[in-house]
Structures are given as C-alpha cells and as structure tokens.
Amino acid sequence: MRRRSTTGFTLIELLVVIAIIAILAAILFPVFAQAREKARAISCASNLKQATLAVLMYTQDYDETFPMSLAPFPAATPEYAAAPCITTFYDRVSPYQKNADIMRCPSKPNAMDMPLGFQRQAGLGIKPVCPSTPPLRWISYNFNYAVIDDGTPSRPVKSLAAIPHPVMTSLISDGVPTEPGGLCGLFNSPVDARHTLTVNSGYVDGHVKNVKTKIAVDGAGVPYTCRAMDGQTLQIYIITEDGPYLNRSELWGVACQRADGTWYRAQRCN
C-alpha cells in the first residue's frame, strides 16, 4: 500500500502561512518606516546643530554680530542696481560648514532649488543668487529672519546682545522661503513638519530640539498650502508648543517675555 507523503503542504496550509506573513508585514512595515524616519530626524538634528554652531562661530568672528540676510539690500539702492547677483546668508556661513549637504534634510533633501527659486522672482526685481563655494543648490532649512536681518536702517543686523532669551529664540529650522501667493508672501518662512508632525529647530544658544505642530486647515477641514520660491507646494503647520511661537506657522521672531511671564515674539524686544 502506498502511504501519503507527510512532508508537503496542502493548499490551505500554504494560504494560512501567506496570510500570517501578510499580517506580520502589515504590522511591521509601519514600524520600520517610523524607525527610518526617526533615524532621518536624528540626522537632520545633527545638520541643524552644525548649522547653528556655524552661525555662532560667524558671530564670534564679527564682533558678536549675526550675518545679514541678503546683500546688497534693499533693492532700491544704487549698489543693488549695479550688482549682478545677490549674496545670501547661506553663503556667509558656508566657510564654517565646508559641506553644502548640511543644508539638506534627509527627510526632504530637495525641499527647494535655491537658484531656481530666485530666478522665479525676477519679475519682482529680485536678482539671481551669486555662485557659492561650496556650490549650494538644494536647501531644506529656513533661518529666523528676525535674527538674520536684512541690514537696512529700519532693520539693522542684530548682535547677540539683542537676543534677551537665546534659549527660546529659534535660529534655523525645517522649512524653506516662500514666493507670493495664497497665504504666503515673498520670503515668508513657514515651518515644514516633515518628521511625523514635528519640526527640528536650532536655537541661538546652540541647542537643537524637536517642536510639535498640527496641520493647518480651513473650516471645511481642507489643509492650507502655499508655494516655496521654486514653486513646490508647501503644507502649512501650526506650532502647538508653549512659548513665543505658540499658534504660529513660523519660527520667526525674537523671543520676548512680558512682566507677567507670558511669551511673545517680535522683530525686536522692547
């Protein structure tokens, strides 16, 4: 008599095994994705730490004064009219970084094409950016343009002494400058919560932290958006952590504190 082999699998058994594998994959893949994003967020925080220290090294070399945002600026000057291109604040700190990739977040390395972004604003009278060393094309981070100011008489470059609360004042964070349209204007700096609804930010005192946000939506629940300078669509987020930037879409402004202990942000504290 021939015996039935007991070493094979029936079709039902194979289907059960496949179903178990599929269930495990559905459970584990999101975990793996979260782990990968956590690693990217840590790498991003390292980038911001280096960028923050680069700015602070710059201030030490220039009498504790922060770099100017753009030069020559403003546009309505003979110097601007004669200049073939604009030098940005990114270029001023690049000698202290030696690596343009520091300005690229692993979670969004091509957040904005900076040369293209300035080219798109030519109709607004904005000149192209000057070539830099090392070459800088892609950026993923925004500086706080109340700290890195434009150097005009009404908005002179700031010194470290003009920042009364450096531990609370953001210096650089996840996000890119915007072009006019929708909720944003030229050179606005909305945060980009690309790390699972959180934003990495470096502060004036040198530390880096993770800032919680929520998606900004209208009354119908539709998310608000605007455009980066190179035309990419940007999601708008609202900061949810207590402090000077609470309920704001930007980590913009010098952190100031009232007599009653409450925080607010401003171009300059009174």
Protein backbone atom coordinates (compact mmCIF):
# COMPACT_ATOMS: atom_id res chain seq x y z
CA MET A 1 0.00 0.00 0.00
CA ARG A 2 1.32 3.48 -0.89
CA ARG A 3 1.46 5.92 2.00
CA ARG A 4 0.58 9.59 1.60
CA SER A 5 3.59 11.84 1.99
CA THR A 6 3.56 13.93 5.13
CA THR A 7 6.38 16.27 4.11
CA GLY A 8 4.39 18.54 1.77
CA PHE A 9 1.88 21.34 2.47
CA THR A 10 -1.70 21.44 1.42
CA LEU A 11 -3.05 24.48 -0.43
CA ILE A 12 -4.95 25.59 2.66
CA GLU A 13 -1.82 25.40 4.81
CA LEU A 14 0.11 27.49 2.28
CA LEU A 15 -2.64 30.08 2.20
CA VAL A 16 -2.65 30.26 6.00
CA VAL A 17 1.13 30.81 6.05
CA ILE A 18 0.86 33.52 3.38
CA ALA A 19 -1.93 35.21 5.34
CA ILE A 20 0.18 35.18 8.52
CA ILE A 21 3.14 36.67 6.66
CA ALA A 22 0.92 39.38 5.18
CA ILE A 23 -0.47 40.25 8.60
CA LEU A 24 3.03 40.45 10.11
CA ALA A 25 4.20 42.61 7.21
CA ALA A 26 1.26 44.98 7.68
CA ILE A 27 2.16 45.30 11.35
CA LEU A 28 5.91 45.61 10.96
CA PHE A 29 6.27 47.80 7.85
CA PRO A 30 4.87 50.93 9.57
CA VAL A 31 7.21 50.25 12.49
CA PHE A 32 10.16 50.00 10.11
CA ALA A 33 9.05 53.20 8.37
CA GLN A 34 8.84 55.03 11.71
CA ALA A 35 12.30 53.76 12.64
CA ARG A 36 13.71 55.02 9.33
CA GLU A 37 12.07 58.41 9.83
CA LYS A 38 13.43 58.60 13.37
CA ALA A 39 16.91 57.99 12.01
CA ARG A 40 16.42 60.71 9.39
CA ALA A 41 15.14 63.11 12.07
CA ILE A 42 18.26 62.48 14.16
CA SER A 43 20.47 63.12 11.12
CA CYS A 44 18.51 66.30 10.44
CA ALA A 45 19.02 67.46 14.03
CA SER A 46 22.75 66.90 13.56
CA ASN A 47 22.68 69.10 10.45
CA LEU A 48 20.91 71.86 12.36
CA LYS A 49 23.38 71.59 15.22
CA GLN A 50 26.26 72.11 12.81
CA ALA A 51 24.48 74.98 11.06
CA THR A 52 23.70 76.64 14.40
CA LEU A 53 27.31 76.36 15.55
CA ALA A 54 28.48 77.72 12.19
CA VAL A 55 26.38 80.87 12.73
CA LEU A 56 27.69 81.25 16.28
CA MET A 57 31.27 80.90 15.03
CA TYR A 58 30.50 83.61 12.49
CA THR A 59 29.24 85.92 15.24
CA GLN A 60 32.44 85.40 17.23
CA ASP A 61 34.50 86.46 14.22
CA TYR A 62 32.33 89.54 13.55
CA ASP A 63 32.07 91.24 16.95
CA GLU A 64 29.12 89.09 18.10
CA THR A 65 27.02 90.24 15.15
CA PHE A 66 24.81 87.93 13.10
CA PRO A 67 25.16 87.78 9.31
CA MET A 68 22.98 89.89 7.02
CA SER A 69 20.22 88.01 5.19
CA LEU A 70 20.87 89.35 1.66
CA ALA A 71 23.41 91.77 0.19
CA PRO A 72 23.24 94.20 -1.40
CA PHE A 73 19.83 95.05 0.02
CA PRO A 74 17.34 96.72 -0.14
CA ALA A 75 16.56 96.70 -3.84
CA ALA A 76 16.06 100.47 -4.10
CA THR A 77 19.76 101.34 -3.84
CA PRO A 78 22.47 102.13 -6.42
CA GLU A 79 24.53 99.22 -5.04
CA TYR A 80 21.70 96.78 -5.73
CA ALA A 81 21.13 98.17 -9.23
CA ALA A 82 24.83 97.71 -10.05
CA ALA A 83 25.17 94.24 -8.52
CA PRO A 84 24.94 91.28 -10.92
CA CYS A 85 23.73 88.92 -8.19
CA ILE A 86 22.80 88.61 -4.50
CA THR A 87 24.91 87.07 -1.75
CA THR A 88 22.75 85.21 0.76
CA PHE A 89 23.18 84.43 4.46
CA TYR A 90 23.75 80.77 3.49
CA ASP A 91 26.93 81.84 1.71
CA ARG A 92 28.18 83.78 4.72
CA VAL A 93 28.13 80.77 7.00
CA SER A 94 29.30 78.23 4.40
CA PRO A 95 33.03 78.76 5.22
CA TYR A 96 32.24 77.48 8.71
CA GLN A 97 30.49 74.38 7.38
CA LYS A 98 32.65 73.23 4.42
CA ASN A 99 29.81 70.98 3.24
CA ALA A 100 26.71 72.17 1.37
CA ASP A 101 24.87 68.94 2.23
CA ILE A 102 24.49 70.19 5.80
CA MET A 103 21.67 72.35 4.41
CA ARG A 104 19.78 69.28 3.12
CA CYS A 105 17.41 67.40 5.44
CA PRO A 106 17.46 63.60 4.86
CA SER A 107 13.66 63.55 5.04
CA LYS A 108 13.35 66.21 2.32
CA PRO A 109 16.73 66.75 0.66
CA ASN A 110 15.27 68.57 -2.37
CA ALA A 111 12.94 70.85 -0.44
CA MET A 112 13.88 73.90 -2.54
CA ASP A 113 16.10 74.60 -5.54
CA MET A 114 17.54 77.93 -4.37
CA PRO A 115 18.96 79.23 -7.71
CA LEU A 116 15.68 78.36 -9.43
CA GLY A 117 13.73 79.98 -6.60
CA PHE A 118 15.48 83.32 -7.05
CA GLN A 119 15.15 83.10 -10.84
CA ARG A 120 11.37 82.71 -10.44
CA GLN A 121 11.23 86.02 -8.52
CA ALA A 122 12.97 88.03 -11.26
CA GLY A 123 9.65 89.67 -12.14
CA LEU A 124 9.60 91.12 -8.61
CA GLY A 125 13.01 92.72 -9.13
CA ILE A 126 14.91 90.03 -7.24
CA LYS A 127 18.36 89.32 -8.67
CA PRO A 128 19.81 85.79 -9.02
CA VAL A 129 21.99 84.37 -6.26
CA CYS A 130 25.75 84.58 -6.64
CA PRO A 131 27.73 81.34 -7.10
CA SER A 132 28.95 79.98 -3.78
CA THR A 133 31.78 77.79 -2.55
CA PRO A 134 30.96 75.01 -1.93
CA PRO A 135 28.16 75.16 -4.55
CA LEU A 136 24.77 75.41 -2.85
CA ARG A 137 21.70 74.37 -4.82
CA TRP A 138 19.27 72.44 -2.62
CA ILE A 139 18.22 73.76 0.78
CA SER A 140 15.84 72.28 3.36
CA TYR A 141 16.11 74.84 6.15
CA ASN A 142 14.95 78.36 7.00
CA PHE A 143 16.80 80.83 9.13
CA ASN A 144 14.88 83.07 11.52
CA TYR A 145 14.76 86.30 9.50
CA ALA A 146 14.20 88.39 12.61
CA VAL A 147 17.65 87.27 13.83
CA ILE A 148 19.33 87.06 10.41
CA ASP A 149 18.06 90.51 9.39
CA ASP A 150 18.33 92.47 6.15
CA GLY A 151 20.69 95.24 7.33
CA THR A 152 18.51 98.20 6.39
CA PRO A 153 18.32 101.28 8.65
CA SER A 154 14.94 100.12 9.97
CA ARG A 155 16.13 96.52 10.36
CA PRO A 156 19.87 96.59 11.11
CA VAL A 157 21.86 93.40 11.59
CA LYS A 158 21.46 92.08 15.11
CA SER A 159 24.03 91.32 17.77
CA LEU A 160 23.94 88.55 20.33
CA ALA A 161 23.17 91.19 22.96
CA ALA A 162 19.91 91.99 21.11
CA ILE A 163 18.61 88.48 21.86
CA PRO A 164 17.50 88.55 25.52
CA HIS A 165 16.35 84.92 25.57
CA PRO A 166 18.66 82.91 23.29
CA VAL A 167 17.43 79.59 24.69
CA MET A 168 13.88 80.43 23.48
CA THR A 169 14.77 82.12 20.17
CA SER A 170 14.85 79.88 17.12
CA LEU A 171 17.73 80.37 14.68
CA ILE A 172 17.24 77.74 11.95
CA SER A 173 14.54 75.13 11.39
CA ASP A 174 12.84 72.75 8.93
CA GLY A 175 11.30 74.80 6.14
CA VAL A 176 12.11 76.92 3.08
CA PRO A 177 11.36 80.50 1.94
CA THR A 178 8.15 81.15 0.01
CA GLU A 179 7.02 83.12 -3.01
CA PRO A 180 3.91 85.32 -3.10
CA GLY A 181 0.60 83.50 -3.44
CA GLY A 182 -2.09 82.05 -1.21
CA LEU A 183 -1.32 82.50 2.47
CA CYS A 184 2.34 83.37 1.93
CA GLY A 185 4.36 86.32 0.73
CA LEU A 186 7.89 86.67 -0.58
CA PHE A 187 10.48 85.29 1.86
CA ASN A 188 7.94 84.03 4.41
CA SER A 189 9.26 81.08 6.42
CA PRO A 190 6.53 78.56 7.35
CA VAL A 191 7.75 75.52 9.23
CA ASP A 192 7.71 72.14 7.48
CA ALA A 193 6.74 69.40 9.96
CA ARG A 194 8.40 66.66 7.93
CA HIS A 195 9.29 64.50 10.94
CA THR A 196 5.92 62.98 11.85
CA LEU A 197 4.23 66.33 12.55
CA THR A 198 7.31 67.73 14.30
CA VAL A 199 9.93 70.29 13.30
CA ASN A 200 13.61 70.28 14.20
CA SER A 201 14.93 73.68 15.27
CA GLY A 202 18.32 75.02 16.31
CA TYR A 203 18.30 77.88 18.84
CA VAL A 204 20.50 80.91 19.40
CA ASP A 205 22.12 79.38 22.48
CA GLY A 206 23.29 76.43 20.35
CA HIS A 207 20.89 73.66 21.37
CA VAL A 208 18.55 71.78 19.00
CA LYS A 209 15.09 70.50 19.88
CA ASN A 210 12.01 68.92 18.29
CA VAL A 211 8.93 71.18 18.09
CA LYS A 212 5.39 69.76 17.89
CA THR A 213 2.86 71.03 15.34
CA LYS A 214 -0.54 70.32 13.82
CA ILE A 215 -1.80 70.64 10.24
CA ALA A 216 -3.46 74.00 9.49
CA VAL A 217 -6.90 73.53 7.94
CA ASP A 218 -9.82 75.75 7.00
CA GLY A 219 -13.37 75.47 8.33
CA ALA A 220 -14.09 72.60 5.95
CA GLY A 221 -11.02 70.67 7.06
CA VAL A 222 -9.05 71.41 3.87
CA PRO A 223 -5.31 71.87 4.57
CA TYR A 224 -3.81 75.28 3.88
CA THR A 225 -0.89 75.42 1.45
CA CYS A 226 1.40 77.91 -0.25
CA ARG A 227 4.46 77.68 -2.53
CA ALA A 228 8.19 77.57 -1.98
CA MET A 229 10.25 80.03 -4.01
CA ASP A 230 10.93 77.31 -6.59
CA GLY A 231 7.21 76.57 -6.97
CA GLN A 232 6.92 73.41 -4.86
CA THR A 233 3.72 73.13 -2.82
CA LEU A 234 4.15 73.55 0.93
CA GLN A 235 1.82 72.27 3.64
CA ILE A 236 1.09 74.83 6.37
CA TYR A 237 1.51 73.73 10.00
CA ILE A 238 0.71 75.43 13.31
CA ILE A 239 3.13 75.24 16.26
CA THR A 240 1.45 73.75 19.33
CA GLU A 241 4.18 74.07 22.00
CA ASP A 242 4.06 76.75 24.67
CA GLY A 243 6.43 79.64 24.17
CA PRO A 244 6.85 82.66 21.90
CA TYR A 245 5.85 80.73 18.75
CA LEU A 246 2.67 79.08 20.04
CA ASN A 247 -0.13 79.04 17.42
CA ARG A 248 2.17 80.48 14.75
CA SER A 249 3.09 78.97 11.39
CA GLU A 250 6.67 80.28 11.54
CA LEU A 251 9.56 80.04 13.98
CA TRP A 252 10.08 83.71 13.24
CA GLY A 253 10.87 86.49 15.68
CA VAL A 254 12.99 87.23 18.72
CA ALA A 255 11.61 85.60 21.87
CA CYS A 256 10.41 88.26 24.31
CA GLN A 257 8.78 87.98 27.74
CA ARG A 258 6.26 90.26 29.37
CA ALA A 259 6.30 91.29 33.02
CA ASP A 260 3.65 88.67 33.81
CA GLY A 261 5.91 85.92 32.40
CA THR A 262 3.99 85.31 29.16
CA TRP A 263 5.94 84.92 25.94
CA TYR A 264 5.61 86.70 22.61
CA ARG A 265 7.74 87.11 19.51
CA ALA A 266 8.77 90.36 17.84
CA GLN A 267 11.22 91.91 15.42
CA ARG A 268 12.96 93.34 18.47
CA CYS A 269 12.06 93.18 22.17
CA ASN A 270 11.08 96.48 23.80
